[in-house]
């Protein structure tokens, strides 16, 4: 069976994306498991290669059909949009436009069946907005580009998977957004993703919103009973192994010791905090519910160190591993 083609987007060219790509594609394991194709800028990748001391060559190709996927050479669909003097470590509309165009092209390849999954380097939301693309982040942008009405963010770290009911919303807005239908659909997306990955009956723990899961109505406004419990009942009726709503503090402890395959978090920081404590270097962001597989690093553009050659590639390597694991297999 052929190795999947993974379209790797370069991310914001002023961030650490180009550097971690050049570091990652120097690992033999990448070419042993997949056929990597970068969507970005050949000149910027050569600059990044020099910064990190990479011996890899960079070859511009016209598309997946033109690539040879040979170790030792980074093949890039060169959009040729990055000025040679674009500085590292600074927000700019130019960089935001480049990031957008990379993602757009990668989506086109996967939707057309020319690539099997997307793995994204980090973008700057500020730069993306400066370029006129007003999306809260990768997740919402990918949903727009693929015509998907609703998706979920799943984060993974060693020993923990977390899917989010809401993400880029203020806390009050997030609580208002949560409803039984959204919770049920989120659980369903997580369940189906894990089944596809080979976990036949995923064990899913669902977080409460309030401390101590509301303590039978003592805390909050009965959100657990009204917003979460009906969704859990509906999922159990399908024969799924779903438990909750549970206090988040004890649920994450139990998940860490292996009681659950997936935790359902109600809002951004409830889910992100535990994952990042376990190790941001090995964290991966997976967009669940798209018609294409998309994984990403679980860190930002790191403008403070961009252009210095010290960026750590471990999260991108793990994101590539997850993309390979989830990608559909060609006959």
C-alpha atoms as a PDB file:
ATOM      1  CA  UNK A   1       0.000   0.000   0.000  1.00  0.00           C
ATOM      2  CA  UNK A   2       1.532   3.381  -0.964  1.00  0.00           C
ATOM      3  CA  UNK A   3       2.568   5.866   1.676  1.00  0.00           C
ATOM      4  CA  UNK A   4       0.045   8.710   2.034  1.00  0.00           C
ATOM      5  CA  UNK A   5       0.837  12.101   0.516  1.00  0.00           C
ATOM      6  CA  UNK A   6       0.831  14.710   3.290  1.00  0.00           C
ATOM      7  CA  UNK A   7       0.460  18.343   2.228  1.00  0.00           C
ATOM      8  CA  UNK A   8       2.458  20.412   4.741  1.00  0.00           C
ATOM      9  CA  UNK A   9       1.523  24.080   4.819  1.00  0.00           C
ATOM     10  CA  UNK A  10       4.395  26.447   5.638  1.00  0.00           C
ATOM     11  CA  UNK A  11       2.296  28.641   7.946  1.00  0.00           C
ATOM     12  CA  UNK A  12       3.278  32.241   8.596  1.00  0.00           C
ATOM     13  CA  UNK A  13       6.596  32.776   6.775  1.00  0.00           C
ATOM     14  CA  UNK A  14       7.724  35.195   9.503  1.00  0.00           C
ATOM     15  CA  UNK A  15       7.247  32.565  12.206  1.00  0.00           C
ATOM     16  CA  UNK A  16       9.037  29.320  12.992  1.00  0.00           C
ATOM     17  CA  UNK A  17       7.091  27.239  10.463  1.00  0.00           C
ATOM     18  CA  UNK A  18       9.811  27.188   7.780  1.00  0.00           C
ATOM     19  CA  UNK A  19      12.460  26.247  10.355  1.00  0.00           C
ATOM     20  CA  UNK A  20      10.559  23.364  11.942  1.00  0.00           C
ATOM     21  CA  UNK A  21       9.658  22.028   8.492  1.00  0.00           C
ATOM     22  CA  UNK A  22      13.315  21.939   7.463  1.00  0.00           C
ATOM     23  CA  UNK A  23      14.235  20.236  10.733  1.00  0.00           C
ATOM     24  CA  UNK A  24      11.386  17.706  10.526  1.00  0.00           C
ATOM     25  CA  UNK A  25      12.036  16.624   6.961  1.00  0.00           C
ATOM     26  CA  UNK A  26      15.583  15.766   7.958  1.00  0.00           C
ATOM     27  CA  UNK A  27      14.230  12.847  10.013  1.00  0.00           C
ATOM     28  CA  UNK A  28      14.330   9.560   8.085  1.00  0.00           C
ATOM     29  CA  UNK A  29      11.112   8.360   9.746  1.00  0.00           C
ATOM     30  CA  UNK A  30       9.088  10.970   7.849  1.00  0.00           C
ATOM     31  CA  UNK A  31       9.917   9.624   4.402  1.00  0.00           C
ATOM     32  CA  UNK A  32       9.577   6.043   5.657  1.00  0.00           C
ATOM     33  CA  UNK A  33       5.934   6.652   6.633  1.00  0.00           C
ATOM     34  CA  UNK A  34       4.642   9.223   4.119  1.00  0.00           C
ATOM     35  CA  UNK A  35       5.291  11.321   1.044  1.00  0.00           C
ATOM     36  CA  UNK A  36       5.681  14.898   2.311  1.00  0.00           C
ATOM     37  CA  UNK A  37       4.907  17.855   0.052  1.00  0.00           C
ATOM     38  CA  UNK A  38       5.345  21.392   1.381  1.00  0.00           C
ATOM     39  CA  UNK A  39       3.035  24.163   0.206  1.00  0.00           C
ATOM     40  CA  UNK A  40       4.922  27.426   0.624  1.00  0.00           C
ATOM     41  CA  UNK A  41       7.913  29.317  -0.691  1.00  0.00           C
ATOM     42  CA  UNK A  42      11.148  27.747  -1.890  1.00  0.00           C
ATOM     43  CA  UNK A  43      13.272  30.798  -1.090  1.00  0.00           C
ATOM     44  CA  UNK A  44      11.990  31.018   2.470  1.00  0.00           C
ATOM     45  CA  UNK A  45      12.622  27.322   3.044  1.00  0.00           C
ATOM     46  CA  UNK A  46      16.202  27.706   1.805  1.00  0.00           C
ATOM     47  CA  UNK A  47      16.669  30.605   4.238  1.00  0.00           C
ATOM     48  CA  UNK A  48      15.260  28.482   7.047  1.00  0.00           C
ATOM     49  CA  UNK A  49      17.474  25.557   6.077  1.00  0.00           C
ATOM     50  CA  UNK A  50      20.547  27.738   6.409  1.00  0.00           C
ATOM     51  CA  UNK A  51      19.347  28.983   9.805  1.00  0.00           C
ATOM     52  CA  UNK A  52      18.949  25.473  11.232  1.00  0.00           C
ATOM     53  CA  UNK A  53      22.064  24.069   9.559  1.00  0.00           C
ATOM     54  CA  UNK A  54      20.121  21.660   7.350  1.00  0.00           C
ATOM     55  CA  UNK A  55      21.855  19.763   4.568  1.00  0.00           C
ATOM     56  CA  UNK A  56      18.573  19.201   2.741  1.00  0.00           C
ATOM     57  CA  UNK A  57      18.062  20.554  -0.740  1.00  0.00           C
ATOM     58  CA  UNK A  58      14.893  22.419  -1.712  1.00  0.00           C
ATOM     59  CA  UNK A  59      13.204  21.664  -5.030  1.00  0.00           C
ATOM     60  CA  UNK A  60      10.267  23.629  -6.410  1.00  0.00           C
ATOM     61  CA  UNK A  61       7.546  21.483  -8.020  1.00  0.00           C
ATOM     62  CA  UNK A  62       4.350  22.341  -9.850  1.00  0.00           C
ATOM     63  CA  UNK A  63       2.161  19.993  -7.816  1.00  0.00           C
ATOM     64  CA  UNK A  64       1.890  16.503  -6.317  1.00  0.00           C
ATOM     65  CA  UNK A  65       2.265  14.847  -9.707  1.00  0.00           C
ATOM     66  CA  UNK A  66       5.643  16.512 -10.218  1.00  0.00           C
ATOM     67  CA  UNK A  67       7.124  15.362  -6.897  1.00  0.00           C
ATOM     68  CA  UNK A  68       9.578  12.469  -6.478  1.00  0.00           C
ATOM     69  CA  UNK A  69       9.387  12.248  -2.651  1.00  0.00           C
ATOM     70  CA  UNK A  70      13.050  11.370  -2.246  1.00  0.00           C
ATOM     71  CA  UNK A  71      14.789  11.679   1.138  1.00  0.00           C
ATOM     72  CA  UNK A  72      17.334  14.476   1.188  1.00  0.00           C
ATOM     73  CA  UNK A  73      15.215  16.899  -0.828  1.00  0.00           C
ATOM     74  CA  UNK A  74      12.367  19.061   0.432  1.00  0.00           C
ATOM     75  CA  UNK A  75       9.842  19.402  -2.380  1.00  0.00           C
ATOM     76  CA  UNK A  76       7.683  22.507  -2.281  1.00  0.00           C
ATOM     77  CA  UNK A  77       4.828  23.816  -4.368  1.00  0.00           C
ATOM     78  CA  UNK A  78       6.350  27.285  -4.630  1.00  0.00           C
ATOM     79  CA  UNK A  79       3.671  29.966  -4.444  1.00  0.00           C
ATOM     80  CA  UNK A  80       6.480  32.545  -4.789  1.00  0.00           C
ATOM     81  CA  UNK A  81       4.772  35.169  -2.628  1.00  0.00           C
ATOM     82  CA  UNK A  82       7.410  35.860   0.031  1.00  0.00           C
ATOM     83  CA  UNK A  83       9.695  38.865  -0.562  1.00  0.00           C
ATOM     84  CA  UNK A  84      13.337  37.953   0.010  1.00  0.00           C
ATOM     85  CA  UNK A  85      13.678  40.689   2.625  1.00  0.00           C
ATOM     86  CA  UNK A  86      10.539  39.799   4.625  1.00  0.00           C
ATOM     87  CA  UNK A  87      11.741  39.895   8.245  1.00  0.00           C
ATOM     88  CA  UNK A  88      11.274  37.059  10.699  1.00  0.00           C
ATOM     89  CA  UNK A  89       9.416  37.713  13.918  1.00  0.00           C
ATOM     90  CA  UNK A  90       7.078  40.477  12.726  1.00  0.00           C
ATOM     91  CA  UNK A  91       3.356  40.537  11.999  1.00  0.00           C
ATOM     92  CA  UNK A  92       2.517  41.603   8.452  1.00  0.00           C
ATOM     93  CA  UNK A  93      -0.347  41.457   5.983  1.00  0.00           C
ATOM     94  CA  UNK A  94       2.022  39.931   3.417  1.00  0.00           C
ATOM     95  CA  UNK A  95       2.795  37.019   5.724  1.00  0.00           C
ATOM     96  CA  UNK A  96      -0.898  36.584   6.529  1.00  0.00           C
ATOM     97  CA  UNK A  97      -1.747  36.382   2.826  1.00  0.00           C
ATOM     98  CA  UNK A  98       0.985  33.777   2.259  1.00  0.00           C
ATOM     99  CA  UNK A  99      -0.346  31.660   5.131  1.00  0.00           C
ATOM    100  CA  UNK A 100      -3.872  31.833   3.719  1.00  0.00           C
ATOM    101  CA  UNK A 101      -2.789  30.885   0.190  1.00  0.00           C
ATOM    102  CA  UNK A 102      -0.819  27.879   1.478  1.00  0.00           C
ATOM    103  CA  UNK A 103      -3.861  26.533   3.300  1.00  0.00           C
ATOM    104  CA  UNK A 104      -6.118  27.211   0.340  1.00  0.00           C
ATOM    105  CA  UNK A 105      -3.856  25.286  -2.041  1.00  0.00           C
ATOM    106  CA  UNK A 106      -3.468  22.354   0.343  1.00  0.00           C
ATOM    107  CA  UNK A 107      -7.261  22.075   0.633  1.00  0.00           C
ATOM    108  CA  UNK A 108      -7.561  22.045  -3.140  1.00  0.00           C
ATOM    109  CA  UNK A 109      -5.122  19.147  -3.418  1.00  0.00           C
ATOM    110  CA  UNK A 110      -6.800  17.034  -0.747  1.00  0.00           C
ATOM    111  CA  UNK A 111     -10.356  17.680  -1.963  1.00  0.00           C
ATOM    112  CA  UNK A 112      -9.217  16.754  -5.502  1.00  0.00           C
ATOM    113  CA  UNK A 113      -7.693  13.506  -4.248  1.00  0.00           C
ATOM    114  CA  UNK A 114      -4.130  14.588  -5.066  1.00  0.00           C
ATOM    115  CA  UNK A 115      -3.060  14.449  -1.410  1.00  0.00           C
ATOM    116  CA  UNK A 116      -4.326  12.414   1.522  1.00  0.00           C
ATOM    117  CA  UNK A 117      -4.035  14.754   4.519  1.00  0.00           C
ATOM    118  CA  UNK A 118      -2.983  18.251   5.560  1.00  0.00           C
ATOM    119  CA  UNK A 119      -0.440  19.026   8.270  1.00  0.00           C
ATOM    120  CA  UNK A 120      -0.198  22.714   9.147  1.00  0.00           C
ATOM    121  CA  UNK A 121       2.613  24.825  10.556  1.00  0.00           C
ATOM    122  CA  UNK A 122       1.464  27.721  12.780  1.00  0.00           C
ATOM    123  CA  UNK A 123      -0.178  30.905  11.553  1.00  0.00           C
ATOM    124  CA  UNK A 124      -0.607  34.334  13.123  1.00  0.00           C
ATOM    125  CA  UNK A 125      -4.272  35.248  13.556  1.00  0.00           C
ATOM    126  CA  UNK A 126      -3.261  38.920  13.648  1.00  0.00           C
ATOM    127  CA  UNK A 127      -1.429  38.623  10.329  1.00  0.00           C
ATOM    128  CA  UNK A 128      -4.299  36.658   8.805  1.00  0.00           C
ATOM    129  CA  UNK A 129      -6.721  39.412   9.826  1.00  0.00           C
ATOM    130  CA  UNK A 130      -4.357  42.097   8.516  1.00  0.00           C
ATOM    131  CA  UNK A 131      -4.525  40.371   5.127  1.00  0.00           C
ATOM    132  CA  UNK A 132      -8.317  40.610   5.186  1.00  0.00           C
ATOM    133  CA  UNK A 133      -9.045  36.977   6.103  1.00  0.00           C
ATOM    134  CA  UNK A 134     -11.047  37.343   9.282  1.00  0.00           C
ATOM    135  CA  UNK A 135     -11.170  33.870  10.761  1.00  0.00           C
ATOM    136  CA  UNK A 136     -10.518  33.055  14.433  1.00  0.00           C
ATOM    137  CA  UNK A 137      -7.950  30.445  13.417  1.00  0.00           C
ATOM    138  CA  UNK A 138      -7.045  27.439  11.272  1.00  0.00           C
ATOM    139  CA  UNK A 139     -10.091  25.437  12.347  1.00  0.00           C
ATOM    140  CA  UNK A 140     -12.652  27.956  11.156  1.00  0.00           C
ATOM    141  CA  UNK A 141     -10.690  28.742   7.988  1.00  0.00           C
ATOM    142  CA  UNK A 142     -10.492  25.089   6.994  1.00  0.00           C
ATOM    143  CA  UNK A 143     -14.207  24.671   7.640  1.00  0.00           C
ATOM    144  CA  UNK A 144     -14.892  27.597   5.279  1.00  0.00           C
ATOM    145  CA  UNK A 145     -12.561  26.359   2.543  1.00  0.00           C
ATOM    146  CA  UNK A 146     -14.085  22.873   2.571  1.00  0.00           C
ATOM    147  CA  UNK A 147     -17.698  24.024   2.922  1.00  0.00           C
ATOM    148  CA  UNK A 148     -18.092  22.281   6.287  1.00  0.00           C
ATOM    149  CA  UNK A 149     -20.778  23.823   8.513  1.00  0.00           C
ATOM    150  CA  UNK A 150     -19.412  22.560  11.846  1.00  0.00           C
ATOM    151  CA  UNK A 151     -16.104  21.094  13.011  1.00  0.00           C
ATOM    152  CA  UNK A 152     -14.383  20.396  16.315  1.00  0.00           C
ATOM    153  CA  UNK A 153     -10.871  20.885  17.650  1.00  0.00           C
ATOM    154  CA  UNK A 154      -9.179  17.831  19.131  1.00  0.00           C
ATOM    155  CA  UNK A 155      -5.873  18.125  20.974  1.00  0.00           C
ATOM    156  CA  UNK A 156      -3.633  15.189  21.740  1.00  0.00           C
ATOM    157  CA  UNK A 157      -0.672  14.853  24.086  1.00  0.00           C
ATOM    158  CA  UNK A 158       1.059  11.773  25.467  1.00  0.00           C
ATOM    159  CA  UNK A 159      -1.682   9.820  27.240  1.00  0.00           C
ATOM    160  CA  UNK A 160      -4.506  12.315  26.619  1.00  0.00           C
ATOM    161  CA  UNK A 161      -6.986  13.274  23.879  1.00  0.00           C
ATOM    162  CA  UNK A 162      -9.363  16.217  24.295  1.00  0.00           C
ATOM    163  CA  UNK A 163     -12.144  17.405  21.974  1.00  0.00           C
ATOM    164  CA  UNK A 164     -13.740  20.818  22.499  1.00  0.00           C
ATOM    165  CA  UNK A 165     -17.421  21.714  22.347  1.00  0.00           C
ATOM    166  CA  UNK A 166     -16.488  25.405  21.955  1.00  0.00           C
ATOM    167  CA  UNK A 167     -13.107  26.968  21.221  1.00  0.00           C
ATOM    168  CA  UNK A 168     -12.398  30.586  20.303  1.00  0.00           C
ATOM    169  CA  UNK A 169     -15.108  32.274  22.346  1.00  0.00           C
ATOM    170  CA  UNK A 170     -15.123  34.269  25.555  1.00  0.00           C
ATOM    171  CA  UNK A 171     -16.241  32.200  28.529  1.00  0.00           C
ATOM    172  CA  UNK A 172     -19.714  33.753  28.835  1.00  0.00           C
ATOM    173  CA  UNK A 173     -20.282  33.390  25.092  1.00  0.00           C
ATOM    174  CA  UNK A 174     -19.076  29.778  25.206  1.00  0.00           C
ATOM    175  CA  UNK A 175     -21.513  28.843  27.957  1.00  0.00           C
ATOM    176  CA  UNK A 176     -24.339  30.492  26.046  1.00  0.00           C
ATOM    177  CA  UNK A 177     -23.381  28.580  22.878  1.00  0.00           C
ATOM    178  CA  UNK A 178     -23.368  25.139  24.522  1.00  0.00           C
ATOM    179  CA  UNK A 179     -26.557  23.146  23.974  1.00  0.00           C
ATOM    180  CA  UNK A 180     -27.463  19.431  23.943  1.00  0.00           C
ATOM    181  CA  UNK A 181     -27.331  19.167  20.153  1.00  0.00           C
ATOM    182  CA  UNK A 182     -23.853  20.688  19.926  1.00  0.00           C
ATOM    183  CA  UNK A 183     -22.562  18.502  22.747  1.00  0.00           C
ATOM    184  CA  UNK A 184     -23.975  15.370  21.109  1.00  0.00           C
ATOM    185  CA  UNK A 185     -22.500  16.234  17.715  1.00  0.00           C
ATOM    186  CA  UNK A 186     -19.107  16.936  19.291  1.00  0.00           C
ATOM    187  CA  UNK A 187     -19.105  13.605  21.098  1.00  0.00           C
ATOM    188  CA  UNK A 188     -20.081  11.956  17.835  1.00  0.00           C
ATOM    189  CA  UNK A 189     -17.225  13.527  15.894  1.00  0.00           C
ATOM    190  CA  UNK A 190     -14.752  12.397  18.533  1.00  0.00           C
ATOM    191  CA  UNK A 191     -16.216   8.905  18.691  1.00  0.00           C
ATOM    192  CA  UNK A 192     -16.112   8.449  14.916  1.00  0.00           C
ATOM    193  CA  UNK A 193     -12.535   9.728  14.673  1.00  0.00           C
ATOM    194  CA  UNK A 194     -11.286   7.242  17.248  1.00  0.00           C
ATOM    195  CA  UNK A 195     -13.196   4.375  15.644  1.00  0.00           C
ATOM    196  CA  UNK A 196     -11.534   5.263  12.322  1.00  0.00           C
ATOM    197  CA  UNK A 197      -8.175   5.221  14.111  1.00  0.00           C
ATOM    198  CA  UNK A 198      -8.825   1.656  15.289  1.00  0.00           C
ATOM    199  CA  UNK A 199     -10.396   2.087  18.759  1.00  0.00           C
ATOM    200  CA  UNK A 200     -13.520  -0.033  18.388  1.00  0.00           C
ATOM    201  CA  UNK A 201     -15.403   1.200  21.474  1.00  0.00           C
ATOM    202  CA  UNK A 202     -13.876   4.484  22.667  1.00  0.00           C
ATOM    203  CA  UNK A 203     -14.354   5.332  26.338  1.00  0.00           C
ATOM    204  CA  UNK A 204     -15.449   8.957  26.482  1.00  0.00           C
ATOM    205  CA  UNK A 205     -15.605  11.197  29.554  1.00  0.00           C
ATOM    206  CA  UNK A 206     -17.579  14.446  29.327  1.00  0.00           C
ATOM    207  CA  UNK A 207     -16.634  17.494  31.404  1.00  0.00           C
ATOM    208  CA  UNK A 208     -19.139  19.527  33.366  1.00  0.00           C
ATOM    209  CA  UNK A 209     -19.197  23.319  33.085  1.00  0.00           C
ATOM    210  CA  UNK A 210     -19.379  24.191  36.774  1.00  0.00           C
ATOM    211  CA  UNK A 211     -17.162  23.175  39.723  1.00  0.00           C
ATOM    212  CA  UNK A 212     -18.032  19.728  41.094  1.00  0.00           C
ATOM    213  CA  UNK A 213     -20.367  19.230  38.106  1.00  0.00           C
ATOM    214  CA  UNK A 214     -22.752  21.760  39.611  1.00  0.00           C
ATOM    215  CA  UNK A 215     -23.154  19.846  42.891  1.00  0.00           C
ATOM    216  CA  UNK A 216     -26.774  18.961  42.026  1.00  0.00           C
ATOM    217  CA  UNK A 217     -27.672  22.553  41.215  1.00  0.00           C
ATOM    218  CA  UNK A 218     -25.756  24.305  44.011  1.00  0.00           C
ATOM    219  CA  UNK A 219     -23.280  25.886  41.555  1.00  0.00           C
ATOM    220  CA  UNK A 220     -24.222  27.544  38.296  1.00  0.00           C
ATOM    221  CA  UNK A 221     -27.624  27.654  36.663  1.00  0.00           C
ATOM    222  CA  UNK A 222     -28.354  23.971  36.150  1.00  0.00           C
ATOM    223  CA  UNK A 223     -26.207  23.859  32.979  1.00  0.00           C
ATOM    224  CA  UNK A 224     -25.181  20.240  33.516  1.00  0.00           C
ATOM    225  CA  UNK A 225     -28.763  18.974  33.566  1.00  0.00           C
ATOM    226  CA  UNK A 226     -30.019  21.175  30.765  1.00  0.00           C
ATOM    227  CA  UNK A 227     -27.087  21.439  28.350  1.00  0.00           C
ATOM    228  CA  UNK A 228     -24.984  18.292  28.789  1.00  0.00           C
ATOM    229  CA  UNK A 229     -26.898  15.385  30.332  1.00  0.00           C
ATOM    230  CA  UNK A 230     -29.409  15.028  27.451  1.00  0.00           C
ATOM    231  CA  UNK A 231     -26.553  14.686  24.956  1.00  0.00           C
ATOM    232  CA  UNK A 232     -24.872  12.009  27.039  1.00  0.00           C
ATOM    233  CA  UNK A 233     -28.147  10.091  27.285  1.00  0.00           C
ATOM    234  CA  UNK A 234     -28.568  10.253  23.503  1.00  0.00           C
ATOM    235  CA  UNK A 235     -25.048   8.925  22.945  1.00  0.00           C
ATOM    236  CA  UNK A 236     -25.523   6.098  25.416  1.00  0.00           C
ATOM    237  CA  UNK A 237     -28.698   5.145  23.576  1.00  0.00           C
ATOM    238  CA  UNK A 238     -26.483   4.488  20.536  1.00  0.00           C
ATOM    239  CA  UNK A 239     -24.450   2.001  22.566  1.00  0.00           C
ATOM    240  CA  UNK A 240     -21.481   4.289  23.068  1.00  0.00           C
ATOM    241  CA  UNK A 241     -19.383   4.228  26.246  1.00  0.00           C
ATOM    242  CA  UNK A 242     -19.953   7.815  27.422  1.00  0.00           C
ATOM    243  CA  UNK A 243     -19.765   8.975  31.048  1.00  0.00           C
ATOM    244  CA  UNK A 244     -20.600  12.358  32.597  1.00  0.00           C
ATOM    245  CA  UNK A 245     -21.031  15.184  33.138  1.00  0.00           C
ATOM    246  CA  UNK A 246     -18.014  14.846  35.418  1.00  0.00           C
ATOM    247  CA  UNK A 247     -16.001  17.439  37.354  1.00  0.00           C
ATOM    248  CA  UNK A 248     -13.181  18.480  35.034  1.00  0.00           C
ATOM    249  CA  UNK A 249     -10.448  18.277  37.665  1.00  0.00           C
ATOM    250  CA  UNK A 250     -11.035  14.614  38.492  1.00  0.00           C
ATOM    251  CA  UNK A 251     -11.941  13.678  34.919  1.00  0.00           C
ATOM    252  CA  UNK A 252      -8.553  14.786  33.583  1.00  0.00           C
ATOM    253  CA  UNK A 253      -6.829  12.856  36.362  1.00  0.00           C
ATOM    254  CA  UNK A 254      -8.778   9.724  35.472  1.00  0.00           C
ATOM    255  CA  UNK A 255      -8.084  10.185  31.763  1.00  0.00           C
ATOM    256  CA  UNK A 256      -4.382  10.543  32.509  1.00  0.00           C
ATOM    257  CA  UNK A 257      -4.313   7.204  34.281  1.00  0.00           C
ATOM    258  CA  UNK A 258      -6.061   5.522  31.357  1.00  0.00           C
ATOM    259  CA  UNK A 259      -9.756   5.386  32.266  1.00  0.00           C
ATOM    260  CA  UNK A 260     -10.839   7.239  29.109  1.00  0.00           C
ATOM    261  CA  UNK A 261      -9.747   7.375  25.471  1.00  0.00           C
ATOM    262  CA  UNK A 262     -11.211  10.850  25.000  1.00  0.00           C
ATOM    263  CA  UNK A 263     -12.224  13.814  27.153  1.00  0.00           C
ATOM    264  CA  UNK A 264     -14.921  16.217  25.952  1.00  0.00           C
ATOM    265  CA  UNK A 265     -14.112  19.752  27.182  1.00  0.00           C
ATOM    266  CA  UNK A 266     -16.771  22.427  27.201  1.00  0.00           C
ATOM    267  CA  UNK A 267     -14.588  25.463  26.473  1.00  0.00           C
ATOM    268  CA  UNK A 268     -11.123  26.429  25.264  1.00  0.00           C
ATOM    269  CA  UNK A 269      -9.042  26.698  28.417  1.00  0.00           C
ATOM    270  CA  UNK A 270     -10.739  23.761  30.126  1.00  0.00           C
ATOM    271  CA  UNK A 271      -9.265  21.495  27.450  1.00  0.00           C
ATOM    272  CA  UNK A 272      -6.095  23.310  26.441  1.00  0.00           C
ATOM    273  CA  UNK A 273      -4.603  23.682  29.906  1.00  0.00           C
ATOM    274  CA  UNK A 274      -4.190  19.982  30.753  1.00  0.00           C
ATOM    275  CA  UNK A 275      -2.869  19.133  27.284  1.00  0.00           C
ATOM    276  CA  UNK A 276      -0.196  21.819  27.393  1.00  0.00           C
ATOM    277  CA  UNK A 277       0.870  20.889  30.906  1.00  0.00           C
ATOM    278  CA  UNK A 278       1.610  17.392  29.604  1.00  0.00           C
ATOM    279  CA  UNK A 279       3.992  18.739  26.986  1.00  0.00           C
ATOM    280  CA  UNK A 280       3.492  21.407  24.353  1.00  0.00           C
ATOM    281  CA  UNK A 281       6.430  19.968  22.375  1.00  0.00           C
ATOM    282  CA  UNK A 282       4.508  16.755  21.683  1.00  0.00           C
ATOM    283  CA  UNK A 283       1.024  18.240  21.408  1.00  0.00           C
ATOM    284  CA  UNK A 284      -1.004  17.944  18.209  1.00  0.00           C
ATOM    285  CA  UNK A 285      -4.125  19.794  17.050  1.00  0.00           C
ATOM    286  CA  UNK A 286      -6.541  17.751  14.900  1.00  0.00           C
ATOM    287  CA  UNK A 287      -9.538  19.292  13.144  1.00  0.00           C
ATOM    288  CA  UNK A 288     -12.384  16.789  13.437  1.00  0.00           C
ATOM    289  CA  UNK A 289     -15.397  16.726  11.140  1.00  0.00           C
ATOM    290  CA  UNK A 290     -13.783  17.984   7.942  1.00  0.00           C
ATOM    291  CA  UNK A 291     -14.003  15.939   4.748  1.00  0.00           C
ATOM    292  CA  UNK A 292     -10.185  15.909   4.867  1.00  0.00           C
ATOM    293  CA  UNK A 293      -7.696  14.925   7.552  1.00  0.00           C
ATOM    294  CA  UNK A 294      -5.926  17.900   9.126  1.00  0.00           C
ATOM    295  CA  UNK A 295      -3.372  17.871  11.922  1.00  0.00           C
ATOM    296  CA  UNK A 296      -1.247  20.695  13.266  1.00  0.00           C
ATOM    297  CA  UNK A 297       1.382  21.645  15.777  1.00  0.00           C
ATOM    298  CA  UNK A 298      -0.038  22.671  19.141  1.00  0.00           C
ATOM    299  CA  UNK A 299       1.963  25.884  19.408  1.00  0.00           C
ATOM    300  CA  UNK A 300       2.105  29.286  17.812  1.00  0.00           C
ATOM    301  CA  UNK A 301       4.393  31.154  15.464  1.00  0.00           C
ATOM    302  CA  UNK A 302       6.917  31.934  18.244  1.00  0.00           C
ATOM    303  CA  UNK A 303       7.877  35.286  16.730  1.00  0.00           C
ATOM    304  CA  UNK A 304      10.256  35.833  19.654  1.00  0.00           C
ATOM    305  CA  UNK A 305      12.594  33.074  18.417  1.00  0.00           C
ATOM    306  CA  UNK A 306      11.722  32.990  14.699  1.00  0.00           C
ATOM    307  CA  UNK A 307      14.783  33.398  12.509  1.00  0.00           C
ATOM    308  CA  UNK A 308      17.212  32.233  15.194  1.00  0.00           C
ATOM    309  CA  UNK A 309      17.346  28.571  14.185  1.00  0.00           C
ATOM    310  CA  UNK A 310      16.519  27.211  17.662  1.00  0.00           C
ATOM    311  CA  UNK A 311      12.860  26.174  17.131  1.00  0.00           C
ATOM    312  CA  UNK A 312      11.897  22.687  18.288  1.00  0.00           C
ATOM    313  CA  UNK A 313      10.346  20.425  15.637  1.00  0.00           C
ATOM    314  CA  UNK A 314       8.925  17.701  17.916  1.00  0.00           C
ATOM    315  CA  UNK A 315       5.305  18.874  17.742  1.00  0.00           C
ATOM    316  CA  UNK A 316       5.408  18.950  13.931  1.00  0.00           C
ATOM    317  CA  UNK A 317       6.893  15.461  13.841  1.00  0.00           C
ATOM    318  CA  UNK A 318       4.072  14.204  16.034  1.00  0.00           C
ATOM    319  CA  UNK A 319       1.527  16.034  13.871  1.00  0.00           C
ATOM    320  CA  UNK A 320       2.929  14.246  10.817  1.00  0.00           C
ATOM    321  CA  UNK A 321       2.658  10.897  12.608  1.00  0.00           C
ATOM    322  CA  UNK A 322      -0.982  11.611  13.452  1.00  0.00           C
ATOM    323  CA  UNK A 323      -1.700  12.677   9.862  1.00  0.00           C
ATOM    324  CA  UNK A 324      -0.292   9.391   8.600  1.00  0.00           C
ATOM    325  CA  UNK A 325      -2.320   7.415  11.155  1.00  0.00           C
ATOM    326  CA  UNK A 326      -5.595   9.121  10.210  1.00  0.00           C
ATOM    327  CA  UNK A 327      -5.107   9.492   6.443  1.00  0.00           C
ATOM    328  CA  UNK A 328      -7.249   7.303   4.173  1.00  0.00           C
ATOM    329  CA  UNK A 329      -5.280   4.600   2.437  1.00  0.00           C
ATOM    330  CA  UNK A 330      -5.104   4.522  -1.332  1.00  0.00           C
ATOM    331  CA  UNK A 331      -5.738   1.116  -2.957  1.00  0.00           C
END
